[in-house]
C-alpha atoms as a PDB file:
ATOM      1  CA  UNK A   1       0.000   0.000   0.000  1.00  0.00           C
ATOM      2  CA  UNK A   2       1.446   3.419  -0.920  1.00  0.00           C
ATOM      3  CA  UNK A   3       2.462   6.019   1.634  1.00  0.00           C
ATOM      4  CA  UNK A   4       1.485   9.659   1.098  1.00  0.00           C
ATOM      5  CA  UNK A   5       2.900  12.767   2.780  1.00  0.00           C
ATOM      6  CA  UNK A   6       0.719  15.665   3.970  1.00  0.00           C
ATOM      7  CA  UNK A   7       1.373  19.119   5.474  1.00  0.00           C
ATOM      8  CA  UNK A   8      -0.818  21.731   7.111  1.00  0.00           C
ATOM      9  CA  UNK A   9      -0.612  25.102   5.331  1.00  0.00           C
ATOM     10  CA  UNK A  10      -1.094  26.998   8.595  1.00  0.00           C
ATOM     11  CA  UNK A  11       1.090  25.288  11.251  1.00  0.00           C
ATOM     12  CA  UNK A  12       3.271  23.206   8.867  1.00  0.00           C
ATOM     13  CA  UNK A  13       2.484  20.004  10.783  1.00  0.00           C
ATOM     14  CA  UNK A  14       3.682  17.113   8.591  1.00  0.00           C
ATOM     15  CA  UNK A  15       2.432  13.531   8.646  1.00  0.00           C
ATOM     16  CA  UNK A  16       2.215  10.492   6.411  1.00  0.00           C
ATOM     17  CA  UNK A  17      -0.536   7.986   5.775  1.00  0.00           C
ATOM     18  CA  UNK A  18      -0.595   4.534   4.210  1.00  0.00           C
ATOM     19  CA  UNK A  19      -3.716   4.617   2.057  1.00  0.00           C
ATOM     20  CA  UNK A  20      -5.263   2.995  -0.957  1.00  0.00           C
ATOM     21  CA  UNK A  21      -4.761   5.065  -4.089  1.00  0.00           C
ATOM     22  CA  UNK A  22      -8.504   5.687  -4.221  1.00  0.00           C
ATOM     23  CA  UNK A  23      -8.400   7.220  -0.706  1.00  0.00           C
ATOM     24  CA  UNK A  24      -5.293   9.406  -1.027  1.00  0.00           C
ATOM     25  CA  UNK A  25      -7.350  12.643  -1.023  1.00  0.00           C
ATOM     26  CA  UNK A  26      -9.238  11.885   2.215  1.00  0.00           C
ATOM     27  CA  UNK A  27      -6.729  13.614   4.569  1.00  0.00           C
ATOM     28  CA  UNK A  28      -7.052  16.844   2.530  1.00  0.00           C
ATOM     29  CA  UNK A  29     -10.833  16.844   3.037  1.00  0.00           C
ATOM     30  CA  UNK A  30     -10.561  17.337   6.810  1.00  0.00           C
ATOM     31  CA  UNK A  31      -8.873  20.175   8.723  1.00  0.00           C
ATOM     32  CA  UNK A  32      -5.536  19.777  10.512  1.00  0.00           C
ATOM     33  CA  UNK A  33      -5.855  17.993  13.846  1.00  0.00           C
ATOM     34  CA  UNK A  34      -3.321  20.400  15.414  1.00  0.00           C
ATOM     35  CA  UNK A  35      -4.678  23.816  14.391  1.00  0.00           C
ATOM     36  CA  UNK A  36      -7.656  23.350  12.062  1.00  0.00           C
ATOM     37  CA  UNK A  37      -5.738  24.627   9.031  1.00  0.00           C
ATOM     38  CA  UNK A  38      -5.953  23.368   5.455  1.00  0.00           C
ATOM     39  CA  UNK A  39      -4.078  20.108   4.752  1.00  0.00           C
ATOM     40  CA  UNK A  40      -2.356  19.605   1.400  1.00  0.00           C
ATOM     41  CA  UNK A  41      -0.628  16.572  -0.077  1.00  0.00           C
ATOM     42  CA  UNK A  42       3.146  16.981  -0.371  1.00  0.00           C
ATOM     43  CA  UNK A  43       4.852  15.656  -3.476  1.00  0.00           C
ATOM     44  CA  UNK A  44       7.749  13.503  -2.300  1.00  0.00           C
ATOM     45  CA  UNK A  45      10.526  11.770  -4.192  1.00  0.00           C
ATOM     46  CA  UNK A  46       9.944   8.038  -4.534  1.00  0.00           C
ATOM     47  CA  UNK A  47      12.086   5.685  -2.477  1.00  0.00           C
ATOM     48  CA  UNK A  48      14.112   3.032  -4.237  1.00  0.00           C
ATOM     49  CA  UNK A  49      15.830   0.444  -2.096  1.00  0.00           C
ATOM     50  CA  UNK A  50      18.977  -1.164  -3.417  1.00  0.00           C
ATOM     51  CA  UNK A  51      20.360  -4.327  -1.927  1.00  0.00           C
ATOM     52  CA  UNK A  52      23.958  -4.887  -2.881  1.00  0.00           C
ATOM     53  CA  UNK A  53      24.625  -7.345  -0.085  1.00  0.00           C
ATOM     54  CA  UNK A  54      25.132 -10.932  -1.157  1.00  0.00           C
ATOM     55  CA  UNK A  55      22.320 -13.083   0.190  1.00  0.00           C
ATOM     56  CA  UNK A  56      21.683 -16.775   0.013  1.00  0.00           C
ATOM     57  CA  UNK A  57      19.232 -16.087  -2.801  1.00  0.00           C
ATOM     58  CA  UNK A  58      21.784 -14.181  -4.833  1.00  0.00           C
ATOM     59  CA  UNK A  59      22.975 -15.702  -8.077  1.00  0.00           C
ATOM     60  CA  UNK A  60      25.979 -13.393  -8.358  1.00  0.00           C
ATOM     61  CA  UNK A  61      29.288 -14.412  -6.847  1.00  0.00           C
ATOM     62  CA  UNK A  62      31.672 -12.026  -5.158  1.00  0.00           C
ATOM     63  CA  UNK A  63      34.665 -11.434  -7.455  1.00  0.00           C
ATOM     64  CA  UNK A  64      37.930 -12.880  -6.166  1.00  0.00           C
ATOM     65  CA  UNK A  65      39.672  -9.493  -6.362  1.00  0.00           C
ATOM     66  CA  UNK A  66      37.136  -8.146  -3.838  1.00  0.00           C
ATOM     67  CA  UNK A  67      38.071 -10.705  -1.202  1.00  0.00           C
ATOM     68  CA  UNK A  68      41.767 -10.046  -1.869  1.00  0.00           C
ATOM     69  CA  UNK A  69      41.207  -6.318  -1.403  1.00  0.00           C
ATOM     70  CA  UNK A  70      39.446  -6.910   1.931  1.00  0.00           C
ATOM     71  CA  UNK A  71      42.368  -9.047   3.134  1.00  0.00           C
ATOM     72  CA  UNK A  72      44.832  -6.341   2.092  1.00  0.00           C
ATOM     73  CA  UNK A  73      42.853  -3.720   3.992  1.00  0.00           C
ATOM     74  CA  UNK A  74      42.754  -5.872   7.123  1.00  0.00           C
ATOM     75  CA  UNK A  75      46.517  -6.318   6.989  1.00  0.00           C
ATOM     76  CA  UNK A  76      47.301  -2.678   6.228  1.00  0.00           C
ATOM     77  CA  UNK A  77      48.440  -0.110   8.765  1.00  0.00           C
ATOM     78  CA  UNK A  78      45.184   1.825   8.266  1.00  0.00           C
ATOM     79  CA  UNK A  79      43.368  -0.793  10.333  1.00  0.00           C
ATOM     80  CA  UNK A  80      45.844  -1.789  13.047  1.00  0.00           C
ATOM     81  CA  UNK A  81      43.231  -3.560  15.205  1.00  0.00           C
ATOM     82  CA  UNK A  82      41.819  -5.622  12.318  1.00  0.00           C
ATOM     83  CA  UNK A  83      38.286  -4.648  13.300  1.00  0.00           C
ATOM     84  CA  UNK A  84      36.847  -5.235   9.864  1.00  0.00           C
END
C-alpha cells in the first residue's frame, strides 16, 4: 500500500498515511488535527531500495579481487586492530 505525505498550510504540521490510491485525497478533506488549518498533499521523491549485499538467494558471486582487497585492507596499517 502506498504512503502519502501531507502538510498543514497553517502550522506546517507534517504527517504520512498509508492509504489505498482511491483514498489518497481523504486527509485533505478534513482540517488539521493540530490547528484546524488546510491540509495539502506533499509531493515527495519516490524511495528506491537497493540491496547490494550478497544473500543466500543471490545468483551473483563475489569477485575474487574483492576478497583479496578486503584481506589487504585488514593487513594494512590503516586498520591496526583488524576490526573489519
